[in-house]
Amino acid sequence: MSDAFIGEIRIFANRYIPAGWLPCDGTIYPASAYQALYAVIGNAYGGDAAQQNFATPNLINPQPAMNGLAVCGTGTASGTSVAWTLGQVAGEAAVGLTHSQMPAHTHQMVRAGAGWTAAMKLNSPDNGTQVGGLYVNPTETAQCLTTHAPNTALAGQTIGAAGGTTAGAAAPHENRQPFLTFQFAICWDGIYPVPS
């Protein structure tokens, strides 16, 4: 493919990488074997300049939890301050939601067994009396405000036992859009790209 530029990445639907191309799989190569490609991409995608080696872009499996990457252009999008640099990897294949990321919601109470009775010992204070503490021991007298006359006895009330259901799990959710896989390859034997 003599019309390809060195450093150009193409997508191939076949099961092999054509001659003059290297797979975009993050493999590290000696710079001396692919001098023109190294001159074009350097160590933007990995490798070590001190060791005189470089890596091809890894579009297959850069992290154990990922099965390939979407491709994003470099630069800063208009209206944002986010800048993407050459060789930068971002995003996650799976994400665990935190409490602050979940929308406001409620859970239904579930009755757990037969009803139970709780004795409520309440005395209403004299009119104009300030309410006491927020927590009251069940065996003590609570101070409260009421529209009834002072010292009105309140009847007990039977309520059903209830508990909340467990919701969710700690497992992260799938974060990738639907995808179709192809071979990505980078040209090492072609036209040397001259900057404009």
C-alpha atoms as a PDB file:
ATOM      1  CA  MET A   1       0.000   0.000   0.000  1.00  0.00           C
ATOM      2  CA  SER A   2       2.281   2.703  -1.257  1.00  0.00           C
ATOM      3  CA  ASP A   3      -0.377   5.412  -0.799  1.00  0.00           C
ATOM      4  CA  ALA A   4      -0.399   5.107   2.996  1.00  0.00           C
ATOM      5  CA  PHE A   5       1.415   7.600   5.202  1.00  0.00           C
ATOM      6  CA  ILE A   6       3.834   6.305   7.833  1.00  0.00           C
ATOM      7  CA  GLY A   7       1.997   6.516  11.160  1.00  0.00           C
ATOM      8  CA  GLU A   8      -1.423   6.309   9.511  1.00  0.00           C
ATOM      9  CA  ILE A   9      -3.863   3.924  11.204  1.00  0.00           C
ATOM     10  CA  ARG A  10      -6.350   1.957   9.141  1.00  0.00           C
ATOM     11  CA  ILE A  11      -9.082  -0.513   9.927  1.00  0.00           C
ATOM     12  CA  PHE A  12      -8.948  -3.942   8.305  1.00  0.00           C
ATOM     13  CA  ALA A  13     -11.787  -6.459   8.161  1.00  0.00           C
ATOM     14  CA  ASN A  14      -9.460  -9.395   7.404  1.00  0.00           C
ATOM     15  CA  ARG A  15      -7.827 -11.678   9.996  1.00  0.00           C
ATOM     16  CA  TYR A  16      -4.225 -10.658   9.249  1.00  0.00           C
ATOM     17  CA  ILE A  17      -2.118  -7.513   9.194  1.00  0.00           C
ATOM     18  CA  PRO A  18      -0.867  -6.631   5.674  1.00  0.00           C
ATOM     19  CA  ALA A  19       2.835  -6.217   4.865  1.00  0.00           C
ATOM     20  CA  GLY A  20       4.158  -2.760   5.740  1.00  0.00           C
ATOM     21  CA  TRP A  21       1.779  -2.450   8.696  1.00  0.00           C
ATOM     22  CA  LEU A  22       2.007  -3.301  12.414  1.00  0.00           C
ATOM     23  CA  PRO A  23      -0.896  -4.234  14.691  1.00  0.00           C
ATOM     24  CA  CYS A  24      -2.176  -1.503  17.005  1.00  0.00           C
ATOM     25  CA  ASP A  25      -1.859  -3.716  20.067  1.00  0.00           C
ATOM     26  CA  GLY A  26       0.669  -1.884  22.228  1.00  0.00           C
ATOM     27  CA  THR A  27       3.577  -4.147  21.261  1.00  0.00           C
ATOM     28  CA  ILE A  28       7.012  -2.658  21.958  1.00  0.00           C
ATOM     29  CA  TYR A  29       9.409  -2.616  18.985  1.00  0.00           C
ATOM     30  CA  PRO A  30      13.077  -1.596  18.654  1.00  0.00           C
ATOM     31  CA  ALA A  31      13.337   1.891  17.161  1.00  0.00           C
ATOM     32  CA  SER A  32      16.186   0.711  14.919  1.00  0.00           C
ATOM     33  CA  ALA A  33      13.869  -1.745  13.114  1.00  0.00           C
ATOM     34  CA  TYR A  34      11.197   0.887  12.345  1.00  0.00           C
ATOM     35  CA  GLN A  35      13.137   4.174  12.261  1.00  0.00           C
ATOM     36  CA  ALA A  36      10.672   6.136  10.123  1.00  0.00           C
ATOM     37  CA  LEU A  37       7.668   5.127  12.244  1.00  0.00           C
ATOM     38  CA  TYR A  38       9.600   5.930  15.422  1.00  0.00           C
ATOM     39  CA  ALA A  39      10.485   9.349  13.995  1.00  0.00           C
ATOM     40  CA  VAL A  40       6.784  10.025  13.383  1.00  0.00           C
ATOM     41  CA  ILE A  41       5.173   8.767  16.623  1.00  0.00           C
ATOM     42  CA  GLY A  42       8.098   8.582  19.064  1.00  0.00           C
ATOM     43  CA  ASN A  43       7.043   7.327  22.497  1.00  0.00           C
ATOM     44  CA  ALA A  44       3.544   8.846  22.477  1.00  0.00           C
ATOM     45  CA  TYR A  45       2.019   5.374  22.947  1.00  0.00           C
ATOM     46  CA  GLY A  46       4.615   3.799  25.217  1.00  0.00           C
ATOM     47  CA  GLY A  47       8.070   2.340  25.135  1.00  0.00           C
ATOM     48  CA  ASP A  48      11.247   3.935  26.460  1.00  0.00           C
ATOM     49  CA  ALA A  49      13.381   6.442  24.549  1.00  0.00           C
ATOM     50  CA  ALA A  50      16.383   5.595  26.756  1.00  0.00           C
ATOM     51  CA  GLN A  51      16.018   1.941  25.733  1.00  0.00           C
ATOM     52  CA  GLN A  52      15.555   2.979  22.081  1.00  0.00           C
ATOM     53  CA  ASN A  53      12.158   1.286  21.767  1.00  0.00           C
ATOM     54  CA  PHE A  54       8.568   2.402  21.210  1.00  0.00           C
ATOM     55  CA  ALA A  55       5.052   0.961  21.355  1.00  0.00           C
ATOM     56  CA  THR A  56       2.320   1.029  18.763  1.00  0.00           C
ATOM     57  CA  PRO A  57      -1.017   2.495  19.866  1.00  0.00           C
ATOM     58  CA  ASN A  58      -2.948  -0.083  21.888  1.00  0.00           C
ATOM     59  CA  LEU A  59      -6.472  -0.285  20.486  1.00  0.00           C
ATOM     60  CA  ILE A  60      -7.017  -3.861  21.685  1.00  0.00           C
ATOM     61  CA  ASN A  61      -6.725  -4.282  25.433  1.00  0.00           C
ATOM     62  CA  PRO A  62      -4.921  -1.480  27.291  1.00  0.00           C
ATOM     63  CA  GLN A  63      -6.421  -2.455  30.651  1.00  0.00           C
ATOM     64  CA  PRO A  64      -7.488  -5.890  31.869  1.00  0.00           C
ATOM     65  CA  ALA A  65     -11.137  -4.829  32.108  1.00  0.00           C
ATOM     66  CA  MET A  66     -11.275  -3.316  28.599  1.00  0.00           C
ATOM     67  CA  ASN A  67     -11.912  -5.020  25.289  1.00  0.00           C
ATOM     68  CA  GLY A  68     -10.731  -2.324  22.915  1.00  0.00           C
ATOM     69  CA  LEU A  69     -11.019   1.433  22.801  1.00  0.00           C
ATOM     70  CA  ALA A  70     -13.070   4.002  20.998  1.00  0.00           C
ATOM     71  CA  VAL A  71     -10.922   6.532  19.146  1.00  0.00           C
ATOM     72  CA  CYS A  72     -10.987  10.226  20.072  1.00  0.00           C
ATOM     73  CA  GLY A  73      -9.347  13.180  18.336  1.00  0.00           C
ATOM     74  CA  THR A  74      -6.720  15.404  19.960  1.00  0.00           C
ATOM     75  CA  GLY A  75      -7.267  18.993  21.002  1.00  0.00           C
ATOM     76  CA  THR A  76      -9.757  20.973  23.055  1.00  0.00           C
ATOM     77  CA  ALA A  77     -13.449  20.821  22.231  1.00  0.00           C
ATOM     78  CA  SER A  78     -15.108  24.201  21.772  1.00  0.00           C
ATOM     79  CA  GLY A  79     -16.896  25.431  24.856  1.00  0.00           C
ATOM     80  CA  THR A  80     -14.878  23.221  27.229  1.00  0.00           C
ATOM     81  CA  SER A  81     -11.524  23.309  28.954  1.00  0.00           C
ATOM     82  CA  VAL A  82     -10.893  19.581  28.481  1.00  0.00           C
ATOM     83  CA  ALA A  83      -7.861  18.958  26.272  1.00  0.00           C
ATOM     84  CA  TRP A  84      -7.056  15.531  24.844  1.00  0.00           C
ATOM     85  CA  THR A  85      -3.392  14.874  24.076  1.00  0.00           C
ATOM     86  CA  LEU A  86      -1.802  12.420  21.675  1.00  0.00           C
ATOM     87  CA  GLY A  87      -1.578   8.952  23.244  1.00  0.00           C
ATOM     88  CA  GLN A  88      -3.901   9.751  26.173  1.00  0.00           C
ATOM     89  CA  VAL A  89      -6.161   6.913  27.386  1.00  0.00           C
ATOM     90  CA  ALA A  90      -9.379   7.805  29.215  1.00  0.00           C
ATOM     91  CA  GLY A  91     -12.642   6.211  30.278  1.00  0.00           C
ATOM     92  CA  GLU A  92     -13.563   2.966  31.989  1.00  0.00           C
ATOM     93  CA  ALA A  93     -15.118  -0.243  30.685  1.00  0.00           C
ATOM     94  CA  ALA A  94     -17.174  -0.668  33.861  1.00  0.00           C
ATOM     95  CA  VAL A  95     -18.156   1.864  36.518  1.00  0.00           C
ATOM     96  CA  GLY A  96     -19.456   1.456  40.055  1.00  0.00           C
ATOM     97  CA  LEU A  97     -21.990   4.128  40.953  1.00  0.00           C
ATOM     98  CA  THR A  98     -21.657   6.086  44.153  1.00  0.00           C
ATOM     99  CA  HIS A  99     -24.561   7.258  46.288  1.00  0.00           C
ATOM    100  CA  SER A 100     -24.232  10.822  44.982  1.00  0.00           C
ATOM    101  CA  GLN A 101     -24.557   9.631  41.347  1.00  0.00           C
ATOM    102  CA  MET A 102     -27.888   7.880  41.885  1.00  0.00           C
ATOM    103  CA  PRO A 103     -31.102   9.813  41.326  1.00  0.00           C
ATOM    104  CA  ALA A 104     -33.323  10.493  44.324  1.00  0.00           C
ATOM    105  CA  HIS A 105     -35.562   7.485  44.919  1.00  0.00           C
ATOM    106  CA  THR A 106     -37.509   5.618  47.584  1.00  0.00           C
ATOM    107  CA  HIS A 107     -37.746   2.001  48.670  1.00  0.00           C
ATOM    108  CA  GLN A 108     -40.936   0.260  49.677  1.00  0.00           C
ATOM    109  CA  MET A 109     -41.143  -0.888  53.298  1.00  0.00           C
ATOM    110  CA  VAL A 110     -41.662  -4.606  53.678  1.00  0.00           C
ATOM    111  CA  ARG A 111     -43.584  -5.987  56.634  1.00  0.00           C
ATOM    112  CA  ALA A 112     -41.517  -8.539  58.509  1.00  0.00           C
ATOM    113  CA  GLY A 113     -43.816 -10.983  60.291  1.00  0.00           C
ATOM    114  CA  ALA A 114     -46.741 -10.318  62.627  1.00  0.00           C
ATOM    115  CA  GLY A 115     -47.585  -6.915  64.039  1.00  0.00           C
ATOM    116  CA  TRP A 116     -46.209  -5.702  67.329  1.00  0.00           C
ATOM    117  CA  THR A 117     -47.311  -3.226  69.930  1.00  0.00           C
ATOM    118  CA  ALA A 118     -45.202  -0.466  71.388  1.00  0.00           C
ATOM    119  CA  ALA A 119     -46.313   1.345  74.514  1.00  0.00           C
ATOM    120  CA  MET A 120     -46.058   5.080  74.047  1.00  0.00           C
ATOM    121  CA  LYS A 121     -45.915   7.024  77.301  1.00  0.00           C
ATOM    122  CA  LEU A 122     -46.521  10.644  76.396  1.00  0.00           C
ATOM    123  CA  ASN A 123     -47.622  13.557  78.527  1.00  0.00           C
ATOM    124  CA  SER A 124     -48.451  16.865  76.941  1.00  0.00           C
ATOM    125  CA  PRO A 125     -46.835  19.841  78.636  1.00  0.00           C
ATOM    126  CA  ASP A 126     -48.608  22.960  79.767  1.00  0.00           C
ATOM    127  CA  ASN A 127     -49.532  25.337  76.958  1.00  0.00           C
ATOM    128  CA  GLY A 128     -46.598  27.466  75.841  1.00  0.00           C
ATOM    129  CA  THR A 129     -43.975  25.003  77.197  1.00  0.00           C
ATOM    130  CA  GLN A 130     -40.924  24.388  75.011  1.00  0.00           C
ATOM    131  CA  VAL A 131     -40.311  20.848  73.671  1.00  0.00           C
ATOM    132  CA  GLY A 132     -37.477  18.903  75.322  1.00  0.00           C
ATOM    133  CA  GLY A 133     -34.693  16.802  73.725  1.00  0.00           C
ATOM    134  CA  LEU A 134     -34.982  14.997  70.407  1.00  0.00           C
ATOM    135  CA  TYR A 135     -34.338  11.465  71.709  1.00  0.00           C
ATOM    136  CA  VAL A 136     -36.488   9.978  74.433  1.00  0.00           C
ATOM    137  CA  ASN A 137     -35.851   6.624  76.065  1.00  0.00           C
ATOM    138  CA  PRO A 138     -38.983   4.434  75.500  1.00  0.00           C
ATOM    139  CA  THR A 139     -39.383   3.942  79.268  1.00  0.00           C
ATOM    140  CA  GLU A 140     -39.415   7.654  80.041  1.00  0.00           C
ATOM    141  CA  THR A 141     -41.894  10.442  79.599  1.00  0.00           C
ATOM    142  CA  ALA A 142     -41.600  12.516  76.440  1.00  0.00           C
ATOM    143  CA  GLN A 143     -42.348  16.222  76.281  1.00  0.00           C
ATOM    144  CA  CYS A 144     -44.275  17.247  73.162  1.00  0.00           C
ATOM    145  CA  LEU A 145     -46.549  19.907  71.742  1.00  0.00           C
ATOM    146  CA  THR A 146     -50.207  19.062  71.234  1.00  0.00           C
ATOM    147  CA  THR A 147     -53.464  20.794  70.409  1.00  0.00           C
ATOM    148  CA  HIS A 148     -55.211  18.891  73.222  1.00  0.00           C
ATOM    149  CA  ALA A 149     -55.698  20.253  76.687  1.00  0.00           C
ATOM    150  CA  PRO A 150     -52.762  19.787  79.078  1.00  0.00           C
ATOM    151  CA  ASN A 151     -52.187  16.276  80.512  1.00  0.00           C
ATOM    152  CA  THR A 152     -54.378  14.440  77.983  1.00  0.00           C
ATOM    153  CA  ALA A 153     -53.716  10.679  77.994  1.00  0.00           C
ATOM    154  CA  LEU A 154     -52.858   9.222  74.576  1.00  0.00           C
ATOM    155  CA  ALA A 155     -53.998   5.724  73.607  1.00  0.00           C
ATOM    156  CA  GLY A 156     -51.494   3.071  72.450  1.00  0.00           C
ATOM    157  CA  GLN A 157     -51.262   2.265  68.742  1.00  0.00           C
ATOM    158  CA  THR A 158     -50.417  -1.122  67.190  1.00  0.00           C
ATOM    159  CA  ILE A 159     -48.260  -0.952  64.067  1.00  0.00           C
ATOM    160  CA  GLY A 160     -46.859  -3.698  61.849  1.00  0.00           C
ATOM    161  CA  ALA A 161     -43.215  -4.679  61.981  1.00  0.00           C
ATOM    162  CA  ALA A 162     -41.455  -3.307  58.945  1.00  0.00           C
ATOM    163  CA  GLY A 163     -38.026  -3.259  57.400  1.00  0.00           C
ATOM    164  CA  GLY A 164     -36.460  -1.991  54.226  1.00  0.00           C
ATOM    165  CA  THR A 165     -35.423  -4.281  51.418  1.00  0.00           C
ATOM    166  CA  THR A 166     -31.825  -4.484  50.302  1.00  0.00           C
ATOM    167  CA  ALA A 167     -31.359  -2.761  46.975  1.00  0.00           C
ATOM    168  CA  GLY A 168     -28.446  -3.009  44.564  1.00  0.00           C
ATOM    169  CA  ALA A 169     -25.045  -4.607  44.806  1.00  0.00           C
ATOM    170  CA  ALA A 170     -21.444  -3.471  44.606  1.00  0.00           C
ATOM    171  CA  ALA A 171     -20.978  -4.806  41.064  1.00  0.00           C
ATOM    172  CA  PRO A 172     -20.037  -2.136  38.486  1.00  0.00           C
ATOM    173  CA  HIS A 173     -22.285  -1.627  35.488  1.00  0.00           C
ATOM    174  CA  GLU A 174     -21.247  -2.074  31.845  1.00  0.00           C
ATOM    175  CA  ASN A 175     -20.131   1.299  30.519  1.00  0.00           C
ATOM    176  CA  ARG A 176     -19.359   0.610  26.844  1.00  0.00           C
ATOM    177  CA  GLN A 177     -21.557   1.479  23.929  1.00  0.00           C
ATOM    178  CA  PRO A 178     -22.367  -1.416  21.577  1.00  0.00           C
ATOM    179  CA  PHE A 179     -19.374  -2.167  19.367  1.00  0.00           C
ATOM    180  CA  LEU A 180     -18.095  -4.223  16.436  1.00  0.00           C
ATOM    181  CA  THR A 181     -14.465  -5.351  16.393  1.00  0.00           C
ATOM    182  CA  PHE A 182     -11.960  -4.901  13.545  1.00  0.00           C
ATOM    183  CA  GLN A 183      -8.181  -5.080  13.104  1.00  0.00           C
ATOM    184  CA  PHE A 184      -6.413  -1.748  13.598  1.00  0.00           C
ATOM    185  CA  ALA A 185      -2.949  -1.401  12.061  1.00  0.00           C
ATOM    186  CA  ILE A 186      -0.393   1.384  11.769  1.00  0.00           C
ATOM    187  CA  CYS A 187       1.682   1.921   8.619  1.00  0.00           C
ATOM    188  CA  TRP A 188       5.468   1.699   8.974  1.00  0.00           C
ATOM    189  CA  ASP A 189       6.380   1.366   5.275  1.00  0.00           C
ATOM    190  CA  GLY A 190       4.837   4.131   3.191  1.00  0.00           C
ATOM    191  CA  ILE A 191       5.062   7.840   2.422  1.00  0.00           C
ATOM    192  CA  TYR A 192       6.840   9.898   5.061  1.00  0.00           C
ATOM    193  CA  PRO A 193       4.369  12.571   6.224  1.00  0.00           C
ATOM    194  CA  VAL A 194       5.706  16.098   5.804  1.00  0.00           C
ATOM    195  CA  PRO A 195       4.132  18.606   8.221  1.00  0.00           C
ATOM    196  CA  SER A 196       2.149  21.347   6.513  1.00  0.00           C
END
